[in-house]
Amino acid sequence: MELVAGIDLGGTDTKFGLVSREGKLFAYQSIPTNAEIGHELFFEQLSDSIQDMVEALGPGYKLVGVSVGAPTGSQKNGTIDNASNLNWPRKLPVANILSANFNLPVSVSNDANAAAVGEMLFGVAQNKKDFLCVTLGTGLGCGIVIDGDLVLGSRGHAGELGHVLISGNGRECGCGRKGCLETYASATGIVRTANELIASEEYPKSVLQFSENGSLSAKKITKAANEGDELALRAFEITGRFLGRTLANTVALLNPELIVLTGGLSRSKELILEPTQRNMEENLLDIYKGTVELKLSEISGKRTAILGTAAFMWLKLDSLSKQTA
């Protein structure tokens, strides 16, 4: 059986799996995205892990392509460009590196675009032609589908919603600017919000007050919020306000019928969905009110971007097959 390696290269972890043409995930693994060891060693370790995974399935399986979804990944150039969450070269030729490692076709896409394709083929965006897929992970990304086609932009970087400026002199972002949306609405953003609330000493009874320095995480905040912790609930309210208002602006530009929230923070479910929905609806122009669905991804967290990146590769293989026919 022919399989494609789908790779979701995130700022914190890199998840990868082996995917059939029908979208079945045959194997899955995750490793830390260790930018400190240098990109050469990281991609060597990643390639070895994928080869081992294929061999573990047995002789009846064959790897035919490799596909990467990454922050600021350029489908047109096969590069990762100026990734703010990765301390790597400003223009990293990922396609060339992996092609040399595997001697196979390689495709590169933005991780949010990959998630959008995954939702379009296998998730809640099936049969939708105009939608956004917003990834809430270490950063914030956005895949845009208009009239059934993925919007890439002139250089393949359309959809950098996480770097829309929402505060004139706000939090410092890894991109070098201040006030980017992802510094407020992401897994790392909500941690920064919670830490600011802790420092304010307005919530002395919060269980989060006792988190050791640097140990606070979005998962801990979600757990506390589900238990009724006022500080944690306030952190989600603030996050939803920033995200909802920005989505209202985005609706005015693109007029989507659906917005899908995916990524680690989306797994807090109603905690992020409700304040985001409320703030988006309150700030929509009248002609858009009640016209946009906001949904959580229903694809297992480890599968969304992996299936999406694999779909890119299957499309590329089909195109190469037609060219040689």
C-alpha atoms as a PDB file:
ATOM      1  CA  MET A   1       0.000   0.000   0.000  1.00  0.00           C
ATOM      2  CA  GLU A   2       1.220   3.482  -0.895  1.00  0.00           C
ATOM      3  CA  LEU A   3       1.440   5.994   1.941  1.00  0.00           C
ATOM      4  CA  VAL A   4       2.325   9.667   2.321  1.00  0.00           C
ATOM      5  CA  ALA A   5       4.098  11.087   5.363  1.00  0.00           C
ATOM      6  CA  GLY A   6       2.114  14.067   6.610  1.00  0.00           C
ATOM      7  CA  ILE A   7       4.096  16.362   8.932  1.00  0.00           C
ATOM      8  CA  ASP A   8       2.614  19.071  11.168  1.00  0.00           C
ATOM      9  CA  LEU A   9       5.628  21.158  12.174  1.00  0.00           C
ATOM     10  CA  GLY A  10       4.554  23.359  15.071  1.00  0.00           C
ATOM     11  CA  GLY A  11       6.391  25.809  17.267  1.00  0.00           C
ATOM     12  CA  THR A  12       6.382  23.392  20.211  1.00  0.00           C
ATOM     13  CA  ASP A  13       5.865  19.874  18.826  1.00  0.00           C
ATOM     14  CA  THR A  14       6.144  18.215  15.437  1.00  0.00           C
ATOM     15  CA  LYS A  15       3.472  15.598  14.757  1.00  0.00           C
ATOM     16  CA  PHE A  16       3.643  13.226  11.818  1.00  0.00           C
ATOM     17  CA  GLY A  17       1.878  10.205  10.467  1.00  0.00           C
ATOM     18  CA  LEU A  18       1.468   7.882   7.505  1.00  0.00           C
ATOM     19  CA  VAL A  19      -1.693   8.495   5.494  1.00  0.00           C
ATOM     20  CA  SER A  20      -3.325   6.504   2.704  1.00  0.00           C
ATOM     21  CA  ARG A  21      -5.009   8.059  -0.339  1.00  0.00           C
ATOM     22  CA  GLU A  22      -8.366   7.502   1.371  1.00  0.00           C
ATOM     23  CA  GLY A  23      -7.304   9.562   4.382  1.00  0.00           C
ATOM     24  CA  LYS A  24      -6.674   6.698   6.801  1.00  0.00           C
ATOM     25  CA  LEU A  25      -3.961   7.349   9.382  1.00  0.00           C
ATOM     26  CA  PHE A  26      -1.832   4.193   9.676  1.00  0.00           C
ATOM     27  CA  ALA A  27       0.778   5.415  12.148  1.00  0.00           C
ATOM     28  CA  TYR A  28       1.367   8.486  14.268  1.00  0.00           C
ATOM     29  CA  GLN A  29       4.201   9.971  16.302  1.00  0.00           C
ATOM     30  CA  SER A  30       5.183  13.266  17.906  1.00  0.00           C
ATOM     31  CA  ILE A  31       8.572  14.749  18.771  1.00  0.00           C
ATOM     32  CA  PRO A  32       9.565  18.127  20.245  1.00  0.00           C
ATOM     33  CA  THR A  33      10.360  20.841  17.699  1.00  0.00           C
ATOM     34  CA  ASN A  34      13.792  21.434  19.125  1.00  0.00           C
ATOM     35  CA  ALA A  35      14.984  24.550  17.331  1.00  0.00           C
ATOM     36  CA  GLU A  36      18.009  24.751  19.603  1.00  0.00           C
ATOM     37  CA  ILE A  37      19.749  21.746  18.040  1.00  0.00           C
ATOM     38  CA  GLY A  38      19.817  23.340  14.593  1.00  0.00           C
ATOM     39  CA  HIS A  39      17.603  22.562  11.634  1.00  0.00           C
ATOM     40  CA  GLU A  40      20.039  20.081  10.042  1.00  0.00           C
ATOM     41  CA  LEU A  41      20.005  17.720  13.006  1.00  0.00           C
ATOM     42  CA  PHE A  42      16.288  18.208  13.615  1.00  0.00           C
ATOM     43  CA  PHE A  43      15.307  17.212  10.071  1.00  0.00           C
ATOM     44  CA  GLU A  44      17.734  14.284  10.172  1.00  0.00           C
ATOM     45  CA  GLN A  45      16.048  13.014  13.340  1.00  0.00           C
ATOM     46  CA  LEU A  46      12.592  13.600  11.856  1.00  0.00           C
ATOM     47  CA  SER A  47      13.490  11.735   8.669  1.00  0.00           C
ATOM     48  CA  ASP A  48      14.905   8.794  10.633  1.00  0.00           C
ATOM     49  CA  SER A  49      11.727   8.616  12.717  1.00  0.00           C
ATOM     50  CA  ILE A  50       9.546   8.511   9.600  1.00  0.00           C
ATOM     51  CA  GLN A  51      11.698   5.803   7.993  1.00  0.00           C
ATOM     52  CA  ASP A  52      11.479   3.732  11.187  1.00  0.00           C
ATOM     53  CA  MET A  53       7.703   4.145  11.233  1.00  0.00           C
ATOM     54  CA  VAL A  54       7.372   2.891   7.664  1.00  0.00           C
ATOM     55  CA  GLU A  55       9.620  -0.104   8.342  1.00  0.00           C
ATOM     56  CA  ALA A  56       7.588  -0.969  11.447  1.00  0.00           C
ATOM     57  CA  LEU A  57       4.468  -1.397   9.300  1.00  0.00           C
ATOM     58  CA  GLY A  58       6.116  -4.166   7.289  1.00  0.00           C
ATOM     59  CA  PRO A  59       7.074  -4.884   3.675  1.00  0.00           C
ATOM     60  CA  GLY A  60       3.570  -4.321   2.275  1.00  0.00           C
ATOM     61  CA  TYR A  61       3.769  -0.545   2.712  1.00  0.00           C
ATOM     62  CA  LYS A  62       5.611   1.973   0.557  1.00  0.00           C
ATOM     63  CA  LEU A  63       6.317   5.648   1.197  1.00  0.00           C
ATOM     64  CA  VAL A  64       5.646   7.655  -2.000  1.00  0.00           C
ATOM     65  CA  GLY A  65       5.822  11.262  -0.812  1.00  0.00           C
ATOM     66  CA  VAL A  66       6.432  13.612   2.097  1.00  0.00           C
ATOM     67  CA  SER A  67       4.374  16.687   2.933  1.00  0.00           C
ATOM     68  CA  VAL A  68       5.031  19.390   5.528  1.00  0.00           C
ATOM     69  CA  GLY A  69       2.692  21.925   7.059  1.00  0.00           C
ATOM     70  CA  ALA A  70       4.637  24.574   8.971  1.00  0.00           C
ATOM     71  CA  PRO A  71       4.390  28.135  10.277  1.00  0.00           C
ATOM     72  CA  THR A  72       4.861  30.489   7.312  1.00  0.00           C
ATOM     73  CA  GLY A  73       5.402  27.496   5.036  1.00  0.00           C
ATOM     74  CA  SER A  74       5.328  28.544   1.379  1.00  0.00           C
ATOM     75  CA  GLN A  75       3.658  26.097  -0.970  1.00  0.00           C
ATOM     76  CA  LYS A  76       4.977  28.035  -3.937  1.00  0.00           C
ATOM     77  CA  ASN A  77       8.634  28.090  -2.846  1.00  0.00           C
ATOM     78  CA  GLY A  78       8.936  24.925  -0.732  1.00  0.00           C
ATOM     79  CA  THR A  79      10.360  26.954   2.136  1.00  0.00           C
ATOM     80  CA  ILE A  80       9.613  28.038   5.692  1.00  0.00           C
ATOM     81  CA  ASP A  81       9.999  31.823   5.707  1.00  0.00           C
ATOM     82  CA  ASN A  82      10.722  33.918   8.804  1.00  0.00           C
ATOM     83  CA  ALA A  83       8.895  31.604  11.214  1.00  0.00           C
ATOM     84  CA  SER A  84       8.509  33.690  14.377  1.00  0.00           C
ATOM     85  CA  ASN A  85       8.241  30.630  16.651  1.00  0.00           C
ATOM     86  CA  LEU A  86      11.292  28.834  15.233  1.00  0.00           C
ATOM     87  CA  ASN A  87      14.863  29.997  15.699  1.00  0.00           C
ATOM     88  CA  TRP A  88      15.962  28.814  12.258  1.00  0.00           C
ATOM     89  CA  PRO A  89      17.251  30.536   9.075  1.00  0.00           C
ATOM     90  CA  ARG A  90      14.913  33.170   7.668  1.00  0.00           C
ATOM     91  CA  LYS A  91      14.304  31.178   4.483  1.00  0.00           C
ATOM     92  CA  LEU A  92      14.690  27.465   5.145  1.00  0.00           C
ATOM     93  CA  PRO A  93      14.528  25.211   2.013  1.00  0.00           C
ATOM     94  CA  VAL A  94      12.541  22.423   3.668  1.00  0.00           C
ATOM     95  CA  ALA A  95      11.472  20.782   0.392  1.00  0.00           C
ATOM     96  CA  ASN A  96      15.095  20.493  -0.758  1.00  0.00           C
ATOM     97  CA  ILE A  97      16.237  19.109   2.617  1.00  0.00           C
ATOM     98  CA  LEU A  98      13.571  16.400   2.770  1.00  0.00           C
ATOM     99  CA  SER A  99      13.888  15.566  -0.932  1.00  0.00           C
ATOM    100  CA  ALA A 100      17.556  14.821  -0.328  1.00  0.00           C
ATOM    101  CA  ASN A 101      16.740  12.707   2.736  1.00  0.00           C
ATOM    102  CA  PHE A 102      14.016  10.612   1.098  1.00  0.00           C
ATOM    103  CA  ASN A 103      14.602  10.917  -2.656  1.00  0.00           C
ATOM    104  CA  LEU A 104      10.833  11.418  -2.996  1.00  0.00           C
ATOM    105  CA  PRO A 105       8.483  14.260  -3.989  1.00  0.00           C
ATOM    106  CA  VAL A 106       7.988  16.784  -1.181  1.00  0.00           C
ATOM    107  CA  SER A 107       5.329  19.455  -0.723  1.00  0.00           C
ATOM    108  CA  VAL A 108       5.307  22.323   1.780  1.00  0.00           C
ATOM    109  CA  SER A 109       2.285  24.277   2.964  1.00  0.00           C
ATOM    110  CA  ASN A 110       1.307  26.675   5.687  1.00  0.00           C
ATOM    111  CA  ASP A 111       0.142  24.644   8.695  1.00  0.00           C
ATOM    112  CA  ALA A 112      -3.165  26.489   8.840  1.00  0.00           C
ATOM    113  CA  ASN A 113      -3.739  25.874   5.125  1.00  0.00           C
ATOM    114  CA  ALA A 114      -3.114  22.199   5.747  1.00  0.00           C
ATOM    115  CA  ALA A 115      -5.665  22.199   8.555  1.00  0.00           C
ATOM    116  CA  ALA A 116      -8.173  23.911   6.253  1.00  0.00           C
ATOM    117  CA  VAL A 117      -7.712  21.241   3.585  1.00  0.00           C
ATOM    118  CA  GLY A 118      -8.101  18.567   6.251  1.00  0.00           C
ATOM    119  CA  GLU A 119     -11.397  20.103   7.397  1.00  0.00           C
ATOM    120  CA  MET A 120     -12.595  20.491   3.810  1.00  0.00           C
ATOM    121  CA  LEU A 121     -11.925  16.853   2.938  1.00  0.00           C
ATOM    122  CA  PHE A 122     -12.571  15.069   6.222  1.00  0.00           C
ATOM    123  CA  GLY A 123     -14.091  17.495   8.763  1.00  0.00           C
ATOM    124  CA  VAL A 124     -16.862  19.981   9.518  1.00  0.00           C
ATOM    125  CA  ALA A 125     -16.139  22.046   6.378  1.00  0.00           C
ATOM    126  CA  GLN A 126     -17.127  19.288   3.962  1.00  0.00           C
ATOM    127  CA  ASN A 127     -19.388  20.742   1.230  1.00  0.00           C
ATOM    128  CA  LYS A 128     -18.482  24.293   2.303  1.00  0.00           C
ATOM    129  CA  LYS A 129     -17.022  26.605  -0.326  1.00  0.00           C
ATOM    130  CA  ASP A 130     -16.314  29.732   1.713  1.00  0.00           C
ATOM    131  CA  PHE A 131     -14.775  29.205   5.121  1.00  0.00           C
ATOM    132  CA  LEU A 132     -11.855  29.962   7.414  1.00  0.00           C
ATOM    133  CA  CYS A 133      -9.888  27.505   9.526  1.00  0.00           C
ATOM    134  CA  VAL A 134      -8.250  29.219  12.507  1.00  0.00           C
ATOM    135  CA  THR A 135      -5.518  27.258  14.279  1.00  0.00           C
ATOM    136  CA  LEU A 136      -5.015  28.110  17.947  1.00  0.00           C
ATOM    137  CA  GLY A 137      -1.700  26.572  18.930  1.00  0.00           C
ATOM    138  CA  THR A 138       1.645  28.036  19.969  1.00  0.00           C
ATOM    139  CA  GLY A 139       0.719  30.817  17.556  1.00  0.00           C
ATOM    140  CA  LEU A 140      -2.400  31.581  15.512  1.00  0.00           C
ATOM    141  CA  GLY A 141      -2.803  30.731  11.846  1.00  0.00           C
ATOM    142  CA  CYS A 142      -5.649  30.937   9.363  1.00  0.00           C
ATOM    143  CA  GLY A 143      -6.420  28.928   6.241  1.00  0.00           C
ATOM    144  CA  ILE A 144      -8.794  30.680   3.822  1.00  0.00           C
ATOM    145  CA  VAL A 145     -11.023  28.889   1.304  1.00  0.00           C
ATOM    146  CA  ILE A 146     -12.989  31.026  -1.153  1.00  0.00           C
ATOM    147  CA  ASP A 147     -15.254  29.520  -3.837  1.00  0.00           C
ATOM    148  CA  GLY A 148     -13.811  26.108  -2.980  1.00  0.00           C
ATOM    149  CA  ASP A 149     -10.186  27.126  -3.561  1.00  0.00           C
ATOM    150  CA  LEU A 150      -7.444  27.676  -1.015  1.00  0.00           C
ATOM    151  CA  VAL A 151      -6.222  31.278  -1.033  1.00  0.00           C
ATOM    152  CA  LEU A 152      -2.419  31.391  -1.124  1.00  0.00           C
ATOM    153  CA  GLY A 153      -1.519  34.950  -2.079  1.00  0.00           C
ATOM    154  CA  SER A 154       1.283  36.139  -4.352  1.00  0.00           C
ATOM    155  CA  ARG A 155       4.032  34.438  -2.327  1.00  0.00           C
ATOM    156  CA  GLY A 156       2.019  31.740  -0.607  1.00  0.00           C
ATOM    157  CA  HIS A 157       1.610  33.534   2.718  1.00  0.00           C
ATOM    158  CA  ALA A 158      -2.037  34.614   2.721  1.00  0.00           C
ATOM    159  CA  GLY A 159      -3.895  34.096   5.994  1.00  0.00           C
ATOM    160  CA  GLU A 160      -1.405  35.336   8.604  1.00  0.00           C
ATOM    161  CA  LEU A 161      -4.279  36.366  10.866  1.00  0.00           C
ATOM    162  CA  GLY A 162      -2.109  35.835  13.938  1.00  0.00           C
ATOM    163  CA  HIS A 163      -0.016  38.817  12.892  1.00  0.00           C
ATOM    164  CA  VAL A 164      -2.862  41.261  12.473  1.00  0.00           C
ATOM    165  CA  LEU A 165      -2.114  44.137  14.861  1.00  0.00           C
ATOM    166  CA  ILE A 166      -4.845  44.561  17.462  1.00  0.00           C
ATOM    167  CA  SER A 167      -3.010  46.806  19.931  1.00  0.00           C
ATOM    168  CA  GLY A 168      -0.896  49.819  19.064  1.00  0.00           C
ATOM    169  CA  ASN A 169       1.646  49.201  21.803  1.00  0.00           C
ATOM    170  CA  GLY A 170       0.770  45.689  22.947  1.00  0.00           C
ATOM    171  CA  ARG A 171       2.644  42.539  23.786  1.00  0.00           C
ATOM    172  CA  GLU A 172       5.921  41.752  22.081  1.00  0.00           C
ATOM    173  CA  CYS A 173       5.595  39.090  19.407  1.00  0.00           C
ATOM    174  CA  GLY A 174       8.168  36.641  18.118  1.00  0.00           C
ATOM    175  CA  CYS A 175       7.908  38.365  14.726  1.00  0.00           C
ATOM    176  CA  GLY A 176       9.564  41.449  16.238  1.00  0.00           C
ATOM    177  CA  ARG A 177       6.469  43.667  16.357  1.00  0.00           C
ATOM    178  CA  LYS A 178       4.073  44.510  19.189  1.00  0.00           C
ATOM    179  CA  GLY A 179       0.360  43.825  19.511  1.00  0.00           C
ATOM    180  CA  CYS A 180      -0.105  40.847  17.174  1.00  0.00           C
ATOM    181  CA  LEU A 181      -3.313  38.856  17.682  1.00  0.00           C
ATOM    182  CA  GLU A 182      -1.471  35.614  18.443  1.00  0.00           C
ATOM    183  CA  THR A 183       0.126  37.162  21.520  1.00  0.00           C
ATOM    184  CA  TYR A 184      -3.399  37.303  22.967  1.00  0.00           C
ATOM    185  CA  ALA A 185      -5.366  34.528  21.223  1.00  0.00           C
ATOM    186  CA  SER A 186      -3.317  31.327  21.240  1.00  0.00           C
ATOM    187  CA  ALA A 187      -2.152  28.740  23.757  1.00  0.00           C
ATOM    188  CA  THR A 188       0.822  30.925  24.658  1.00  0.00           C
ATOM    189  CA  GLY A 189      -1.328  34.062  24.557  1.00  0.00           C
ATOM    190  CA  ILE A 190      -3.799  32.833  27.166  1.00  0.00           C
ATOM    191  CA  VAL A 191      -0.879  31.899  29.430  1.00  0.00           C
ATOM    192  CA  ARG A 192       0.411  35.470  29.166  1.00  0.00           C
ATOM    193  CA  THR A 193      -3.066  36.750  29.995  1.00  0.00           C
ATOM    194  CA  ALA A 194      -3.341  34.472  33.028  1.00  0.00           C
ATOM    195  CA  ASN A 195       0.084  35.528  34.284  1.00  0.00           C
ATOM    196  CA  GLU A 196      -0.929  39.184  34.007  1.00  0.00           C
ATOM    197  CA  LEU A 197      -4.098  38.457  35.983  1.00  0.00           C
ATOM    198  CA  ILE A 198      -2.048  36.611  38.619  1.00  0.00           C
ATOM    199  CA  ALA A 199       0.299  39.596  38.897  1.00  0.00           C
ATOM    200  CA  SER A 200      -2.671  41.930  39.376  1.00  0.00           C
ATOM    201  CA  GLU A 201      -3.544  40.081  42.600  1.00  0.00           C
ATOM    202  CA  GLU A 202      -7.262  40.551  41.882  1.00  0.00           C
ATOM    203  CA  TYR A 203      -7.924  36.815  42.168  1.00  0.00           C
ATOM    204  CA  PRO A 204      -6.144  35.700  45.370  1.00  0.00           C
ATOM    205  CA  LYS A 205      -8.182  32.480  45.642  1.00  0.00           C
ATOM    206  CA  SER A 206      -7.243  31.173  42.187  1.00  0.00           C
ATOM    207  CA  VAL A 207      -5.495  27.800  42.106  1.00  0.00           C
ATOM    208  CA  LEU A 208      -3.337  29.239  39.326  1.00  0.00           C
ATOM    209  CA  GLN A 209      -1.711  31.581  41.849  1.00  0.00           C
ATOM    210  CA  PHE A 210       0.308  28.618  43.079  1.00  0.00           C
ATOM    211  CA  SER A 211       1.773  27.642  39.702  1.00  0.00           C
ATOM    212  CA  GLU A 212       5.539  27.524  39.792  1.00  0.00           C
ATOM    213  CA  ASN A 213       7.309  30.078  37.651  1.00  0.00           C
ATOM    214  CA  GLY A 214       7.117  28.987  34.011  1.00  0.00           C
ATOM    215  CA  SER A 215       4.901  25.969  34.711  1.00  0.00           C
ATOM    216  CA  LEU A 216       1.573  27.531  33.753  1.00  0.00           C
ATOM    217  CA  SER A 217       0.059  26.104  30.559  1.00  0.00           C
ATOM    218  CA  ALA A 218      -3.126  26.378  28.526  1.00  0.00           C
ATOM    219  CA  LYS A 219      -4.070  22.892  29.741  1.00  0.00           C
ATOM    220  CA  LYS A 220      -3.794  23.982  33.385  1.00  0.00           C
ATOM    221  CA  ILE A 221      -5.870  27.090  32.684  1.00  0.00           C
ATOM    222  CA  THR A 222      -8.515  24.977  30.934  1.00  0.00           C
ATOM    223  CA  LYS A 223      -8.659  22.537  33.849  1.00  0.00           C
ATOM    224  CA  ALA A 224      -9.027  25.381  36.341  1.00  0.00           C
ATOM    225  CA  ALA A 225     -11.723  27.060  34.239  1.00  0.00           C
ATOM    226  CA  ASN A 226     -13.706  23.822  34.039  1.00  0.00           C
ATOM    227  CA  GLU A 227     -13.576  23.734  37.842  1.00  0.00           C
ATOM    228  CA  GLY A 228     -14.973  27.266  38.065  1.00  0.00           C
ATOM    229  CA  ASP A 229     -11.756  29.176  38.799  1.00  0.00           C
ATOM    230  CA  GLU A 230     -12.558  32.861  38.315  1.00  0.00           C
ATOM    231  CA  LEU A 231      -9.097  33.865  37.091  1.00  0.00           C
ATOM    232  CA  ALA A 232      -9.046  31.100  34.490  1.00  0.00           C
ATOM    233  CA  LEU A 233     -12.561  31.978  33.311  1.00  0.00           C
ATOM    234  CA  ARG A 234     -11.525  35.629  33.021  1.00  0.00           C
ATOM    235  CA  ALA A 235      -8.515  34.614  30.928  1.00  0.00           C
ATOM    236  CA  PHE A 236     -10.813  32.811  28.481  1.00  0.00           C
ATOM    237  CA  GLU A 237     -13.163  35.796  28.383  1.00  0.00           C
ATOM    238  CA  ILE A 238     -10.298  38.147  27.465  1.00  0.00           C
ATOM    239  CA  THR A 239      -8.987  35.700  24.852  1.00  0.00           C
ATOM    240  CA  GLY A 240     -12.434  35.308  23.296  1.00  0.00           C
ATOM    241  CA  ARG A 241     -12.894  39.069  23.197  1.00  0.00           C
ATOM    242  CA  PHE A 242      -9.717  39.646  21.198  1.00  0.00           C
ATOM    243  CA  LEU A 243     -10.363  36.698  18.898  1.00  0.00           C
ATOM    244  CA  GLY A 244     -14.078  37.381  18.384  1.00  0.00           C
ATOM    245  CA  ARG A 245     -13.579  41.029  17.493  1.00  0.00           C
ATOM    246  CA  THR A 246     -10.840  40.198  15.019  1.00  0.00           C
ATOM    247  CA  LEU A 247     -12.982  37.513  13.403  1.00  0.00           C
ATOM    248  CA  ALA A 248     -15.779  40.079  13.026  1.00  0.00           C
ATOM    249  CA  ASN A 249     -13.366  42.264  11.051  1.00  0.00           C
ATOM    250  CA  THR A 250     -12.266  39.265   8.988  1.00  0.00           C
ATOM    251  CA  VAL A 251     -15.878  38.414   8.136  1.00  0.00           C
ATOM    252  CA  ALA A 252     -16.297  41.937   6.754  1.00  0.00           C
ATOM    253  CA  LEU A 253     -13.414  41.282   4.356  1.00  0.00           C
ATOM    254  CA  LEU A 254     -14.099  37.701   3.274  1.00  0.00           C
ATOM    255  CA  ASN A 255     -17.787  36.967   3.999  1.00  0.00           C
ATOM    256  CA  PRO A 256     -17.312  33.273   4.939  1.00  0.00           C
ATOM    257  CA  GLU A 257     -20.195  30.947   5.771  1.00  0.00           C
ATOM    258  CA  LEU A 258     -18.179  29.044   8.382  1.00  0.00           C
ATOM    259  CA  ILE A 259     -15.215  29.569  10.697  1.00  0.00           C
ATOM    260  CA  VAL A 260     -13.587  26.462  12.186  1.00  0.00           C
ATOM    261  CA  LEU A 261     -11.472  26.647  15.335  1.00  0.00           C
ATOM    262  CA  THR A 262      -8.807  23.969  15.630  1.00  0.00           C
ATOM    263  CA  GLY A 263      -5.480  23.488  17.415  1.00  0.00           C
ATOM    264  CA  GLY A 264      -4.620  22.897  21.056  1.00  0.00           C
ATOM    265  CA  LEU A 265      -6.569  25.773  22.594  1.00  0.00           C
ATOM    266  CA  SER A 266      -9.731  24.777  20.702  1.00  0.00           C
ATOM    267  CA  ARG A 267      -9.818  21.605  22.785  1.00  0.00           C
ATOM    268  CA  SER A 268     -11.031  23.766  25.671  1.00  0.00           C
ATOM    269  CA  LYS A 269     -14.321  23.607  23.710  1.00  0.00           C
ATOM    270  CA  GLU A 270     -17.079  25.893  25.030  1.00  0.00           C
ATOM    271  CA  LEU A 271     -14.600  27.812  27.180  1.00  0.00           C
ATOM    272  CA  ILE A 272     -13.121  29.388  24.026  1.00  0.00           C
ATOM    273  CA  LEU A 273     -16.083  28.940  21.674  1.00  0.00           C
ATOM    274  CA  GLU A 274     -18.700  30.813  23.723  1.00  0.00           C
ATOM    275  CA  PRO A 275     -16.834  34.102  24.381  1.00  0.00           C
ATOM    276  CA  THR A 276     -15.440  34.101  20.830  1.00  0.00           C
ATOM    277  CA  GLN A 277     -18.885  33.541  19.302  1.00  0.00           C
ATOM    278  CA  ARG A 278     -20.472  36.210  21.512  1.00  0.00           C
ATOM    279  CA  ASN A 279     -17.822  38.837  20.811  1.00  0.00           C
ATOM    280  CA  MET A 280     -17.777  38.088  17.097  1.00  0.00           C
ATOM    281  CA  GLU A 281     -21.549  38.355  16.782  1.00  0.00           C
ATOM    282  CA  GLU A 282     -21.692  41.572  18.843  1.00  0.00           C
ATOM    283  CA  ASN A 283     -19.152  43.229  16.537  1.00  0.00           C
ATOM    284  CA  LEU A 284     -20.386  42.012  13.171  1.00  0.00           C
ATOM    285  CA  LEU A 285     -21.778  44.477  10.670  1.00  0.00           C
ATOM    286  CA  ASP A 286     -25.564  44.041  10.549  1.00  0.00           C
ATOM    287  CA  ILE A 287     -25.577  42.406   7.118  1.00  0.00           C
ATOM    288  CA  TYR A 288     -23.392  39.575   8.462  1.00  0.00           C
ATOM    289  CA  LYS A 289     -25.179  38.933  11.765  1.00  0.00           C
ATOM    290  CA  GLY A 290     -26.492  35.392  12.013  1.00  0.00           C
ATOM    291  CA  THR A 291     -24.857  34.349   8.723  1.00  0.00           C
ATOM    292  CA  VAL A 292     -21.572  32.867   9.977  1.00  0.00           C
ATOM    293  CA  GLU A 293     -21.262  29.541  11.785  1.00  0.00           C
ATOM    294  CA  LEU A 294     -18.457  29.189  14.314  1.00  0.00           C
ATOM    295  CA  LYS A 295     -17.579  25.553  14.972  1.00  0.00           C
ATOM    296  CA  LEU A 296     -14.926  23.534  16.726  1.00  0.00           C
ATOM    297  CA  SER A 297     -13.033  20.971  14.689  1.00  0.00           C
ATOM    298  CA  GLU A 298     -14.343  17.448  15.178  1.00  0.00           C
ATOM    299  CA  ILE A 299     -11.225  15.790  13.797  1.00  0.00           C
ATOM    300  CA  SER A 300      -8.936  14.327  16.443  1.00  0.00           C
ATOM    301  CA  GLY A 301      -6.302  16.911  17.318  1.00  0.00           C
ATOM    302  CA  LYS A 302      -3.426  14.773  16.102  1.00  0.00           C
ATOM    303  CA  ARG A 303      -5.035  14.179  12.703  1.00  0.00           C
ATOM    304  CA  THR A 304      -6.276  17.530  11.358  1.00  0.00           C
ATOM    305  CA  ALA A 305      -3.076  19.064   9.985  1.00  0.00           C
ATOM    306  CA  ILE A 306      -1.498  15.674   9.233  1.00  0.00           C
ATOM    307  CA  LEU A 307      -4.400  14.673   6.996  1.00  0.00           C
ATOM    308  CA  GLY A 308      -4.383  18.114   5.417  1.00  0.00           C
ATOM    309  CA  THR A 309      -0.678  18.073   4.566  1.00  0.00           C
ATOM    310  CA  ALA A 310      -1.012  14.532   3.230  1.00  0.00           C
ATOM    311  CA  ALA A 311      -3.868  15.688   0.990  1.00  0.00           C
ATOM    312  CA  PHE A 312      -1.545  18.298  -0.520  1.00  0.00           C
ATOM    313  CA  MET A 313       0.910  15.523  -1.393  1.00  0.00           C
ATOM    314  CA  TRP A 314      -1.714  13.258  -2.925  1.00  0.00           C
ATOM    315  CA  LEU A 315      -2.851  16.162  -5.118  1.00  0.00           C
ATOM    316  CA  LYS A 316       0.763  16.762  -6.162  1.00  0.00           C
ATOM    317  CA  LEU A 317       1.281  13.087  -6.988  1.00  0.00           C
ATOM    318  CA  ASP A 318      -1.893  13.103  -9.100  1.00  0.00           C
ATOM    319  CA  SER A 319      -0.597  16.160 -10.949  1.00  0.00           C
ATOM    320  CA  LEU A 320       2.800  14.547 -11.550  1.00  0.00           C
ATOM    321  CA  SER A 321       1.088  11.389 -12.800  1.00  0.00           C
ATOM    322  CA  LYS A 322      -0.942  13.365 -15.324  1.00  0.00           C
ATOM    323  CA  GLN A 323       2.176  15.163 -16.572  1.00  0.00           C
ATOM    324  CA  THR A 324       3.975  11.882 -17.254  1.00  0.00           C
ATOM    325  CA  ALA A 325       0.962  10.079 -18.728  1.00  0.00           C
END
